[in-house]
Amino acid sequence: MALLSGDRAMQSLNLLPWRDRRQRTRRRDAFAALLCGLVAGMGVVAATEIHFAGNLREAERRAAQLQAAIAVHREAAAEQQELEARRDDMGAVLAELQRVRRYNRTVRDWLEELPEAVPPELRLKRLSIKGTVWELQGVARNLEPAAQLLQTTRAMPTVSESRIEHLRSDPGRAREFALTGGFAE
């Protein structure tokens, strides 16, 4: 039995105790390194997340500023378009006023020239002006004064055209006529 207990003693006898210590130290160091690596990794992840969250907040803030600036510029652009449309409308109105003014000047000049153009043997019964077209109706003893009036109106610079529209003649009565024409632009 002594031998048996000696086997046991041999079995429990460690001839290289420094190896066990080194293994335990290595395990402890590896565990500490792993723990430090995990803590450092979590720190890096947390720092990266904080950094990107800050960048995201800054980007969102700048995006909101840009959207506000874009909205202001869109309003200004809409105002600009409205003003341009109003300017175009006013330009059309001014062009129409110029045209009417020229037209009114042309009509006024024609009306000033007309009394001198009417022969004394002719009597005007009606004068009408519709837009750029005029019509004179009158009576004469013969057609010669009407032809003379037609020639005179054709020579006027304010008239673009003139013609005899109709004649009516009754025996022993005066002859009725109608001259029509247009104003020069």
N, C-alpha and C. Protein backbone atom coordinates (compact mmCIF):
# COMPACT_ATOMS: atom_id res chain seq x y z
N MET A 1 0.76 -1.16 0.00
CA MET A 1 0.00 0.00 0.00
C MET A 1 0.83 1.26 0.00
N ALA A 2 1.91 1.05 0.57
CA ALA A 2 2.79 2.18 0.60
C ALA A 2 3.15 2.59 -0.82
N LEU A 3 3.23 1.64 -1.59
CA LEU A 3 3.53 1.92 -2.97
C LEU A 3 2.35 2.61 -3.62
N LEU A 4 1.25 2.15 -3.25
CA LEU A 4 0.04 2.74 -3.80
C LEU A 4 -0.03 4.18 -3.36
N SER A 5 0.24 4.47 -2.15
CA SER A 5 0.19 5.85 -1.74
C SER A 5 1.34 6.61 -2.36
N GLY A 6 2.42 5.97 -2.65
CA GLY A 6 3.54 6.63 -3.30
C GLY A 6 3.17 7.02 -4.72
N ASP A 7 2.37 6.19 -5.39
CA ASP A 7 1.91 6.52 -6.74
C ASP A 7 1.07 7.79 -6.70
N ARG A 8 0.32 7.79 -5.70
CA ARG A 8 -0.50 8.99 -5.57
C ARG A 8 0.36 10.19 -5.33
N ALA A 9 1.36 10.01 -4.54
CA ALA A 9 2.24 11.11 -4.25
C ALA A 9 2.97 11.52 -5.49
N MET A 10 3.26 10.61 -6.30
CA MET A 10 3.93 10.91 -7.54
C MET A 10 2.97 11.62 -8.49
N GLN A 11 1.81 11.18 -8.41
CA GLN A 11 0.85 11.79 -9.30
C GLN A 11 0.61 13.23 -8.91
N SER A 12 0.60 13.55 -7.68
CA SER A 12 0.32 14.89 -7.27
C SER A 12 1.56 15.76 -7.23
N LEU A 13 2.66 15.20 -7.38
CA LEU A 13 3.89 15.96 -7.34
C LEU A 13 4.08 16.65 -8.69
N ASN A 14 4.25 17.97 -8.68
CA ASN A 14 4.44 18.76 -9.89
C ASN A 14 5.88 19.17 -9.94
N LEU A 15 6.56 18.68 -10.96
CA LEU A 15 7.97 18.97 -11.07
C LEU A 15 8.20 20.31 -11.78
N LEU A 16 7.24 20.85 -12.55
CA LEU A 16 7.42 22.11 -13.26
C LEU A 16 6.33 23.10 -12.82
N PRO A 17 6.44 23.63 -11.59
CA PRO A 17 5.40 24.53 -11.11
C PRO A 17 5.40 25.87 -11.85
N TRP A 18 6.50 26.23 -12.35
CA TRP A 18 6.56 27.52 -13.06
C TRP A 18 5.71 27.51 -14.31
N ARG A 19 5.50 26.31 -14.95
CA ARG A 19 4.66 26.22 -16.15
C ARG A 19 3.20 26.54 -15.79
N ASP A 20 2.73 26.01 -14.72
CA ASP A 20 1.35 26.27 -14.33
C ASP A 20 1.17 27.76 -14.03
N ARG A 21 2.13 28.32 -13.34
CA ARG A 21 2.03 29.75 -13.05
C ARG A 21 2.02 30.56 -14.35
N ARG A 22 2.89 30.16 -15.27
CA ARG A 22 2.96 30.88 -16.54
C ARG A 22 1.64 30.73 -17.31
N GLN A 23 1.05 29.56 -17.29
CA GLN A 23 -0.22 29.35 -17.98
C GLN A 23 -1.32 30.19 -17.34
N ARG A 24 -1.32 30.20 -16.01
CA ARG A 24 -2.33 31.02 -15.32
C ARG A 24 -2.11 32.51 -15.62
N THR A 25 -0.86 32.93 -15.65
CA THR A 25 -0.54 34.34 -15.95
C THR A 25 -0.96 34.66 -17.39
N ARG A 26 -0.65 33.74 -18.28
CA ARG A 26 -1.02 33.95 -19.68
C ARG A 26 -2.55 34.00 -19.82
N ARG A 27 -3.25 33.12 -19.15
CA ARG A 27 -4.71 33.15 -19.22
C ARG A 27 -5.25 34.45 -18.64
N ARG A 28 -4.69 34.86 -17.51
CA ARG A 28 -5.13 36.11 -16.89
C ARG A 28 -4.81 37.29 -17.80
N ASP A 29 -3.61 37.27 -18.40
CA ASP A 29 -3.23 38.37 -19.31
C ASP A 29 -4.11 38.37 -20.57
N ALA A 30 -4.40 37.19 -21.08
CA ALA A 30 -5.25 37.09 -22.27
C ALA A 30 -6.66 37.57 -21.93
N PHE A 31 -7.16 37.15 -20.75
CA PHE A 31 -8.49 37.59 -20.35
C PHE A 31 -8.50 39.11 -20.15
N ALA A 32 -7.47 39.66 -19.55
CA ALA A 32 -7.38 41.10 -19.34
C ALA A 32 -7.28 41.82 -20.69
N ALA A 33 -6.49 41.27 -21.62
CA ALA A 33 -6.36 41.88 -22.95
C ALA A 33 -7.69 41.83 -23.69
N LEU A 34 -8.37 40.68 -23.58
CA LEU A 34 -9.68 40.55 -24.22
C LEU A 34 -10.66 41.53 -23.61
N LEU A 35 -10.67 41.64 -22.30
CA LEU A 35 -11.55 42.57 -21.62
C LEU A 35 -11.23 44.00 -22.02
N CYS A 36 -9.93 44.35 -22.07
CA CYS A 36 -9.52 45.70 -22.49
C CYS A 36 -9.91 45.94 -23.95
N GLY A 37 -9.75 44.94 -24.80
CA GLY A 37 -10.14 45.06 -26.21
C GLY A 37 -11.63 45.29 -26.36
N LEU A 38 -12.43 44.54 -25.56
CA LEU A 38 -13.87 44.73 -25.61
C LEU A 38 -14.27 46.13 -25.15
N VAL A 39 -13.66 46.57 -24.06
CA VAL A 39 -13.96 47.91 -23.54
C VAL A 39 -13.52 48.97 -24.56
N ALA A 40 -12.32 48.79 -25.12
CA ALA A 40 -11.83 49.75 -26.11
C ALA A 40 -12.72 49.73 -27.36
N GLY A 41 -13.12 48.54 -27.81
CA GLY A 41 -14.00 48.44 -28.98
C GLY A 41 -15.33 49.12 -28.73
N MET A 42 -15.90 48.89 -27.55
CA MET A 42 -17.16 49.56 -27.23
C MET A 42 -16.97 51.06 -27.16
N GLY A 43 -15.82 51.48 -26.63
CA GLY A 43 -15.52 52.92 -26.58
C GLY A 43 -15.40 53.50 -27.99
N VAL A 44 -14.72 52.77 -28.88
CA VAL A 44 -14.57 53.24 -30.27
C VAL A 44 -15.94 53.30 -30.94
N VAL A 45 -16.76 52.26 -30.76
CA VAL A 45 -18.10 52.24 -31.35
C VAL A 45 -18.94 53.40 -30.81
N ALA A 46 -18.87 53.61 -29.49
CA ALA A 46 -19.64 54.70 -28.88
C ALA A 46 -19.16 56.05 -29.39
N ALA A 47 -17.84 56.24 -29.46
CA ALA A 47 -17.29 57.51 -29.94
C ALA A 47 -17.67 57.74 -31.40
N THR A 48 -17.61 56.68 -32.21
CA THR A 48 -17.98 56.80 -33.63
C THR A 48 -19.46 57.15 -33.76
N GLU A 49 -20.28 56.48 -32.95
CA GLU A 49 -21.71 56.77 -33.00
C GLU A 49 -22.00 58.20 -32.58
N ILE A 50 -21.35 58.66 -31.54
CA ILE A 50 -21.53 60.05 -31.08
C ILE A 50 -21.07 61.02 -32.16
N HIS A 51 -19.93 60.71 -32.77
CA HIS A 51 -19.39 61.58 -33.83
C HIS A 51 -20.37 61.66 -35.01
N PHE A 52 -20.84 60.50 -35.49
CA PHE A 52 -21.75 60.49 -36.63
C PHE A 52 -23.11 61.08 -36.28
N ALA A 53 -23.55 60.89 -35.03
CA ALA A 53 -24.82 61.50 -34.61
C ALA A 53 -24.69 63.02 -34.62
N GLY A 54 -23.54 63.54 -34.19
CA GLY A 54 -23.30 64.98 -34.25
C GLY A 54 -23.26 65.48 -35.69
N ASN A 55 -22.59 64.72 -36.55
CA ASN A 55 -22.55 65.09 -37.96
C ASN A 55 -23.96 65.07 -38.57
N LEU A 56 -24.75 64.07 -38.20
CA LEU A 56 -26.11 63.97 -38.71
C LEU A 56 -26.95 65.15 -38.25
N ARG A 57 -26.84 65.51 -36.96
CA ARG A 57 -27.58 66.67 -36.44
C ARG A 57 -27.16 67.94 -37.17
N GLU A 58 -25.87 68.10 -37.40
CA GLU A 58 -25.37 69.28 -38.12
C GLU A 58 -25.89 69.29 -39.56
N ALA A 59 -25.88 68.12 -40.22
CA ALA A 59 -26.39 68.04 -41.58
C ALA A 59 -27.89 68.34 -41.62
N GLU A 60 -28.64 67.84 -40.63
CA GLU A 60 -30.07 68.12 -40.57
C GLU A 60 -30.33 69.61 -40.33
N ARG A 61 -29.52 70.22 -39.47
CA ARG A 61 -29.66 71.66 -39.20
C ARG A 61 -29.39 72.46 -40.46
N ARG A 62 -28.32 72.10 -41.18
CA ARG A 62 -27.98 72.81 -42.42
C ARG A 62 -29.04 72.57 -43.50
N ALA A 63 -29.58 71.36 -43.54
CA ALA A 63 -30.64 71.05 -44.51
C ALA A 63 -31.88 71.90 -44.22
N ALA A 64 -32.22 72.05 -42.94
CA ALA A 64 -33.37 72.88 -42.57
C ALA A 64 -33.12 74.34 -42.96
N GLN A 65 -31.89 74.83 -42.74
CA GLN A 65 -31.56 76.20 -43.14
C GLN A 65 -31.67 76.36 -44.66
N LEU A 66 -31.16 75.37 -45.38
CA LEU A 66 -31.22 75.43 -46.84
C LEU A 66 -32.66 75.38 -47.34
N GLN A 67 -33.49 74.55 -46.69
CA GLN A 67 -34.90 74.49 -47.10
C GLN A 67 -35.59 75.82 -46.84
N ALA A 68 -35.27 76.45 -45.72
CA ALA A 68 -35.86 77.77 -45.43
C ALA A 68 -35.39 78.79 -46.46
N ALA A 69 -34.10 78.75 -46.80
CA ALA A 69 -33.57 79.68 -47.80
C ALA A 69 -34.20 79.41 -49.17
N ILE A 70 -34.39 78.14 -49.50
CA ILE A 70 -35.01 77.79 -50.79
C ILE A 70 -36.45 78.29 -50.81
N ALA A 71 -37.16 78.15 -49.70
CA ALA A 71 -38.55 78.63 -49.64
C ALA A 71 -38.59 80.14 -49.86
N VAL A 72 -37.65 80.86 -49.25
CA VAL A 72 -37.59 82.32 -49.44
C VAL A 72 -37.32 82.64 -50.91
N HIS A 73 -36.39 81.92 -51.51
CA HIS A 73 -36.06 82.16 -52.91
C HIS A 73 -37.22 81.77 -53.83
N ARG A 74 -37.94 80.72 -53.49
CA ARG A 74 -39.11 80.34 -54.29
C ARG A 74 -40.17 81.43 -54.24
N GLU A 75 -40.39 81.98 -53.03
CA GLU A 75 -41.35 83.08 -52.90
C GLU A 75 -40.90 84.27 -53.72
N ALA A 76 -39.60 84.58 -53.65
CA ALA A 76 -39.07 85.70 -54.43
C ALA A 76 -39.21 85.42 -55.93
N ALA A 77 -38.96 84.18 -56.34
CA ALA A 77 -39.10 83.83 -57.76
C ALA A 77 -40.56 83.94 -58.20
N ALA A 78 -41.49 83.51 -57.34
CA ALA A 78 -42.90 83.62 -57.67
C ALA A 78 -43.30 85.09 -57.79
N GLU A 79 -42.81 85.93 -56.87
CA GLU A 79 -43.07 87.36 -56.95
C GLU A 79 -42.50 87.94 -58.23
N GLN A 80 -41.27 87.50 -58.56
CA GLN A 80 -40.62 87.98 -59.78
C GLN A 80 -41.43 87.60 -61.01
N GLN A 81 -41.92 86.36 -61.05
CA GLN A 81 -42.73 85.93 -62.19
C GLN A 81 -44.03 86.73 -62.26
N GLU A 82 -44.62 86.98 -61.10
CA GLU A 82 -45.85 87.78 -61.08
C GLU A 82 -45.58 89.19 -61.58
N LEU A 83 -44.46 89.77 -61.14
CA LEU A 83 -44.11 91.11 -61.60
C LEU A 83 -43.83 91.12 -63.10
N GLU A 84 -43.16 90.08 -63.59
CA GLU A 84 -42.88 90.02 -65.03
C GLU A 84 -44.19 89.89 -65.81
N ALA A 85 -45.13 89.09 -65.29
CA ALA A 85 -46.42 88.96 -65.96
C ALA A 85 -47.16 90.29 -65.95
N ARG A 86 -47.10 90.98 -64.82
CA ARG A 86 -47.74 92.30 -64.74
C ARG A 86 -47.07 93.29 -65.68
N ARG A 87 -45.72 93.19 -65.77
CA ARG A 87 -44.98 94.07 -66.68
C ARG A 87 -45.40 93.80 -68.12
N ASP A 88 -45.52 92.51 -68.46
CA ASP A 88 -45.94 92.16 -69.81
C ASP A 88 -47.36 92.68 -70.08
N ASP A 89 -48.24 92.52 -69.07
CA ASP A 89 -49.60 93.03 -69.23
C ASP A 89 -49.58 94.55 -69.40
N MET A 90 -48.78 95.22 -68.58
CA MET A 90 -48.69 96.68 -68.68
C MET A 90 -48.08 97.07 -70.02
N GLY A 91 -47.11 96.28 -70.50
CA GLY A 91 -46.54 96.56 -71.81
C GLY A 91 -47.59 96.45 -72.90
N ALA A 92 -48.45 95.44 -72.80
CA ALA A 92 -49.52 95.28 -73.77
C ALA A 92 -50.51 96.44 -73.68
N VAL A 93 -50.82 96.84 -72.45
CA VAL A 93 -51.73 97.98 -72.26
C VAL A 93 -51.11 99.24 -72.83
N LEU A 94 -49.82 99.46 -72.56
CA LEU A 94 -49.15 100.65 -73.09
C LEU A 94 -49.10 100.62 -74.62
N ALA A 95 -48.84 99.45 -75.18
CA ALA A 95 -48.83 99.34 -76.64
C ALA A 95 -50.21 99.65 -77.20
N GLU A 96 -51.25 99.14 -76.54
CA GLU A 96 -52.61 99.43 -76.98
C GLU A 96 -52.93 100.92 -76.84
N LEU A 97 -52.48 101.52 -75.73
CA LEU A 97 -52.69 102.97 -75.57
C LEU A 97 -51.97 103.75 -76.65
N GLN A 98 -50.75 103.35 -76.98
CA GLN A 98 -50.02 104.01 -78.06
C GLN A 98 -50.77 103.87 -79.37
N ARG A 99 -51.27 102.65 -79.62
CA ARG A 99 -52.02 102.42 -80.85
C ARG A 99 -53.27 103.28 -80.88
N VAL A 100 -54.00 103.33 -79.76
CA VAL A 100 -55.21 104.15 -79.70
C VAL A 100 -54.86 105.62 -79.85
N ARG A 101 -53.77 106.04 -79.20
CA ARG A 101 -53.37 107.44 -79.31
C ARG A 101 -53.05 107.77 -80.77
N ARG A 102 -52.28 106.87 -81.44
CA ARG A 102 -51.99 107.09 -82.85
C ARG A 102 -53.28 107.08 -83.66
N TYR A 103 -54.14 106.12 -83.34
CA TYR A 103 -55.41 106.03 -84.04
C TYR A 103 -56.23 107.29 -83.80
N ASN A 104 -56.30 107.73 -82.55
CA ASN A 104 -57.06 108.95 -82.23
C ASN A 104 -56.46 110.16 -82.94
N ARG A 105 -55.15 110.22 -83.00
CA ARG A 105 -54.49 111.32 -83.71
C ARG A 105 -54.83 111.24 -85.20
N THR A 106 -54.84 110.01 -85.74
CA THR A 106 -55.18 109.83 -87.15
C THR A 106 -56.62 110.25 -87.40
N VAL A 107 -57.53 109.83 -86.56
CA VAL A 107 -58.94 110.20 -86.70
C VAL A 107 -59.10 111.71 -86.56
N ARG A 108 -58.43 112.29 -85.57
CA ARG A 108 -58.53 113.74 -85.37
C ARG A 108 -58.02 114.50 -86.59
N ASP A 109 -56.86 114.06 -87.11
CA ASP A 109 -56.31 114.70 -88.31
C ASP A 109 -57.26 114.56 -89.49
N TRP A 110 -57.86 113.37 -89.63
CA TRP A 110 -58.79 113.13 -90.74
C TRP A 110 -60.02 114.02 -90.60
N LEU A 111 -60.52 114.12 -89.36
CA LEU A 111 -61.69 114.98 -89.14
C LEU A 111 -61.37 116.45 -89.39
N GLU A 112 -60.13 116.85 -89.14
CA GLU A 112 -59.74 118.23 -89.43
C GLU A 112 -59.62 118.48 -90.94
N GLU A 113 -59.19 117.46 -91.69
CA GLU A 113 -59.04 117.60 -93.14
C GLU A 113 -60.36 117.48 -93.88
N LEU A 114 -61.29 116.74 -93.32
CA LEU A 114 -62.54 116.42 -94.01
C LEU A 114 -63.36 117.65 -94.43
N PRO A 115 -63.60 118.64 -93.58
CA PRO A 115 -64.43 119.77 -94.02
C PRO A 115 -63.86 120.49 -95.26
N GLU A 116 -62.55 120.55 -95.36
CA GLU A 116 -61.95 121.21 -96.52
C GLU A 116 -62.09 120.34 -97.77
N ALA A 117 -62.22 119.02 -97.57
CA ALA A 117 -62.31 118.11 -98.71
C ALA A 117 -63.73 118.01 -99.28
N VAL A 118 -64.73 118.37 -98.52
CA VAL A 118 -66.12 118.23 -98.98
C VAL A 118 -66.45 119.38 -99.94
N PRO A 119 -66.81 119.04 -101.17
CA PRO A 119 -67.19 120.10 -102.13
C PRO A 119 -68.47 120.81 -101.67
N PRO A 120 -68.63 122.09 -102.07
CA PRO A 120 -69.81 122.84 -101.62
C PRO A 120 -71.13 122.30 -102.17
N GLU A 121 -71.11 121.60 -103.30
CA GLU A 121 -72.36 121.09 -103.89
C GLU A 121 -72.81 119.80 -103.21
N LEU A 122 -72.09 119.35 -102.25
CA LEU A 122 -72.34 118.05 -101.59
C LEU A 122 -72.82 118.29 -100.17
N ARG A 123 -73.76 117.50 -99.75
CA ARG A 123 -74.24 117.62 -98.38
C ARG A 123 -74.06 116.26 -97.69
N LEU A 124 -73.33 116.26 -96.57
CA LEU A 124 -73.13 115.02 -95.81
C LEU A 124 -74.30 114.84 -94.85
N LYS A 125 -74.84 113.62 -94.83
CA LYS A 125 -75.96 113.31 -93.94
C LYS A 125 -75.51 112.54 -92.70
N ARG A 126 -74.47 111.72 -92.90
CA ARG A 126 -74.09 110.87 -91.77
C ARG A 126 -72.60 110.54 -91.86
N LEU A 127 -71.96 110.49 -90.70
CA LEU A 127 -70.56 110.09 -90.58
C LEU A 127 -70.50 109.07 -89.46
N SER A 128 -69.90 107.91 -89.72
CA SER A 128 -69.73 106.91 -88.66
C SER A 128 -68.32 106.35 -88.71
N ILE A 129 -67.80 106.10 -87.53
CA ILE A 129 -66.45 105.54 -87.39
C ILE A 129 -66.58 104.33 -86.47
N LYS A 130 -66.17 103.18 -86.99
CA LYS A 130 -66.18 101.94 -86.20
C LYS A 130 -64.81 101.31 -86.33
N GLY A 131 -64.05 101.38 -85.25
CA GLY A 131 -62.69 100.83 -85.28
C GLY A 131 -61.83 101.63 -86.25
N THR A 132 -61.28 100.97 -87.23
CA THR A 132 -60.43 101.66 -88.20
C THR A 132 -61.16 101.92 -89.52
N VAL A 133 -62.47 101.72 -89.52
CA VAL A 133 -63.28 101.90 -90.73
C VAL A 133 -64.19 103.11 -90.55
N TRP A 134 -64.31 103.91 -91.58
CA TRP A 134 -65.20 105.07 -91.56
C TRP A 134 -66.18 104.96 -92.72
N GLU A 135 -67.30 105.64 -92.56
CA GLU A 135 -68.31 105.68 -93.64
C GLU A 135 -68.92 107.07 -93.66
N LEU A 136 -69.02 107.62 -94.87
CA LEU A 136 -69.66 108.91 -95.11
C LEU A 136 -70.88 108.67 -95.99
N GLN A 137 -72.02 109.19 -95.57
CA GLN A 137 -73.22 109.13 -96.41
C GLN A 137 -73.63 110.56 -96.72
N GLY A 138 -74.02 110.76 -97.96
CA GLY A 138 -74.41 112.11 -98.35
C GLY A 138 -75.28 112.12 -99.59
N VAL A 139 -75.64 113.35 -100.00
CA VAL A 139 -76.44 113.55 -101.21
C VAL A 139 -75.80 114.65 -102.03
N ALA A 140 -75.99 114.54 -103.33
CA ALA A 140 -75.50 115.56 -104.26
C ALA A 140 -76.43 115.57 -105.47
N ARG A 141 -76.43 116.68 -106.20
CA ARG A 141 -77.28 116.77 -107.39
C ARG A 141 -76.79 115.86 -108.50
N ASN A 142 -75.45 115.71 -108.57
CA ASN A 142 -74.89 114.78 -109.54
C ASN A 142 -73.72 114.05 -108.86
N LEU A 143 -73.16 113.11 -109.55
CA LEU A 143 -72.13 112.27 -108.93
C LEU A 143 -70.74 112.90 -108.99
N GLU A 144 -70.59 113.97 -109.69
CA GLU A 144 -69.27 114.59 -109.80
C GLU A 144 -68.71 115.03 -108.45
N PRO A 145 -69.46 115.70 -107.57
CA PRO A 145 -68.92 116.06 -106.26
C PRO A 145 -68.57 114.83 -105.42
N ALA A 146 -69.34 113.73 -105.54
CA ALA A 146 -69.03 112.51 -104.79
C ALA A 146 -67.71 111.91 -105.30
N ALA A 147 -67.51 111.91 -106.61
CA ALA A 147 -66.24 111.42 -107.17
C ALA A 147 -65.09 112.30 -106.74
N GLN A 148 -65.31 113.61 -106.67
CA GLN A 148 -64.27 114.54 -106.24
C GLN A 148 -63.92 114.27 -104.77
N LEU A 149 -64.92 114.04 -103.92
CA LEU A 149 -64.68 113.72 -102.51
C LEU A 149 -63.90 112.41 -102.39
N LEU A 150 -64.25 111.43 -103.21
CA LEU A 150 -63.53 110.15 -103.20
C LEU A 150 -62.06 110.36 -103.55
N GLN A 151 -61.79 111.15 -104.59
CA GLN A 151 -60.39 111.43 -104.99
C GLN A 151 -59.64 112.15 -103.86
N THR A 152 -60.29 113.10 -103.22
CA THR A 152 -59.64 113.88 -102.17
C THR A 152 -59.34 113.00 -100.95
N THR A 153 -60.29 112.14 -100.58
CA THR A 153 -60.04 111.28 -99.41
C THR A 153 -58.95 110.26 -99.70
N ARG A 154 -58.88 109.77 -100.94
CA ARG A 154 -57.80 108.83 -101.28
C ARG A 154 -56.44 109.49 -101.18
N ALA A 155 -56.36 110.79 -101.41
CA ALA A 155 -55.09 111.51 -101.35
C ALA A 155 -54.68 111.86 -99.93
N MET A 156 -55.57 111.72 -98.97
CA MET A 156 -55.25 112.07 -97.57
C MET A 156 -54.25 111.06 -97.00
N PRO A 157 -53.23 111.53 -96.27
CA PRO A 157 -52.24 110.60 -95.69
C PRO A 157 -52.82 109.76 -94.54
N THR A 158 -53.92 110.19 -93.95
CA THR A 158 -54.50 109.46 -92.83
C THR A 158 -55.41 108.32 -93.28
N VAL A 159 -55.68 108.23 -94.60
CA VAL A 159 -56.60 107.22 -95.13
C VAL A 159 -55.81 106.16 -95.88
N SER A 160 -56.08 104.88 -95.56
CA SER A 160 -55.39 103.80 -96.26
C SER A 160 -56.14 103.37 -97.51
N GLU A 161 -57.46 103.52 -97.50
CA GLU A 161 -58.27 103.16 -98.66
C GLU A 161 -59.59 103.89 -98.58
N SER A 162 -60.22 104.06 -99.73
CA SER A 162 -61.57 104.62 -99.77
C SER A 162 -62.23 104.16 -101.06
N ARG A 163 -63.55 103.99 -101.00
CA ARG A 163 -64.29 103.51 -102.16
C ARG A 163 -65.76 103.93 -102.01
N ILE A 164 -66.44 103.91 -103.14
CA ILE A 164 -67.87 104.18 -103.13
C ILE A 164 -68.57 102.85 -102.92
N GLU A 165 -69.40 102.79 -101.90
CA GLU A 165 -70.09 101.54 -101.57
C GLU A 165 -71.39 101.42 -102.37
N HIS A 166 -72.19 102.45 -102.37
CA HIS A 166 -73.43 102.37 -103.14
C HIS A 166 -73.88 103.76 -103.57
N LEU A 167 -74.64 103.74 -104.63
CA LEU A 167 -75.25 104.96 -105.16
C LEU A 167 -76.74 104.68 -105.33
N ARG A 168 -77.49 105.69 -105.08
CA ARG A 168 -78.92 105.56 -105.33
C ARG A 168 -79.37 106.84 -106.01
N SER A 169 -80.02 106.65 -107.08
CA SER A 169 -80.41 107.81 -107.86
C SER A 169 -81.89 107.71 -108.19
N ASP A 170 -82.63 108.76 -107.90
CA ASP A 170 -84.05 108.86 -108.28
C ASP A 170 -84.17 109.98 -109.32
N PRO A 171 -84.98 109.77 -110.36
CA PRO A 171 -85.11 110.83 -111.36
C PRO A 171 -85.69 112.10 -110.73
N GLY A 172 -84.99 113.21 -110.98
CA GLY A 172 -85.45 114.51 -110.50
C GLY A 172 -85.11 114.76 -109.05
N ARG A 173 -84.45 113.82 -108.40
CA ARG A 173 -84.09 114.01 -106.99
C ARG A 173 -82.58 113.94 -106.86
N ALA A 174 -82.09 114.21 -105.69
CA ALA A 174 -80.65 114.16 -105.44
C ALA A 174 -80.18 112.72 -105.41
N ARG A 175 -78.94 112.56 -105.71
CA ARG A 175 -78.35 111.21 -105.70
C ARG A 175 -77.71 110.96 -104.33
N GLU A 176 -78.01 109.81 -103.77
CA GLU A 176 -77.42 109.44 -102.47
C GLU A 176 -76.22 108.54 -102.72
N PHE A 177 -75.23 108.66 -101.86
CA PHE A 177 -74.01 107.85 -102.01
C PHE A 177 -73.47 107.51 -100.63
N ALA A 178 -72.60 106.54 -100.61
CA ALA A 178 -71.89 106.16 -99.37
C ALA A 178 -70.44 105.87 -99.72
N LEU A 179 -69.55 106.55 -99.05
CA LEU A 179 -68.12 106.29 -99.20
C LEU A 179 -67.64 105.57 -97.95
N THR A 180 -66.80 104.57 -98.12
CA THR A 180 -66.21 103.89 -96.97
C THR A 180 -64.70 103.84 -97.15
N GLY A 181 -64.04 103.66 -96.07
CA GLY A 181 -62.57 103.58 -96.13
C GLY A 181 -62.01 103.16 -94.80
N GLY A 182 -60.71 103.11 -94.77
CA GLY A 182 -60.02 102.74 -93.54
C GLY A 182 -58.92 103.74 -93.21
N PHE A 183 -58.59 103.80 -91.96
CA PHE A 183 -57.54 104.71 -91.52
C PHE A 183 -56.18 104.06 -91.67
N ALA A 184 -55.20 104.86 -91.98
CA ALA A 184 -53.82 104.37 -92.09
C ALA A 184 -53.30 104.12 -90.68
N GLU A 185 -52.52 103.09 -90.53
CA GLU A 185 -51.94 102.74 -89.22
C GLU A 185 -50.69 103.54 -88.99
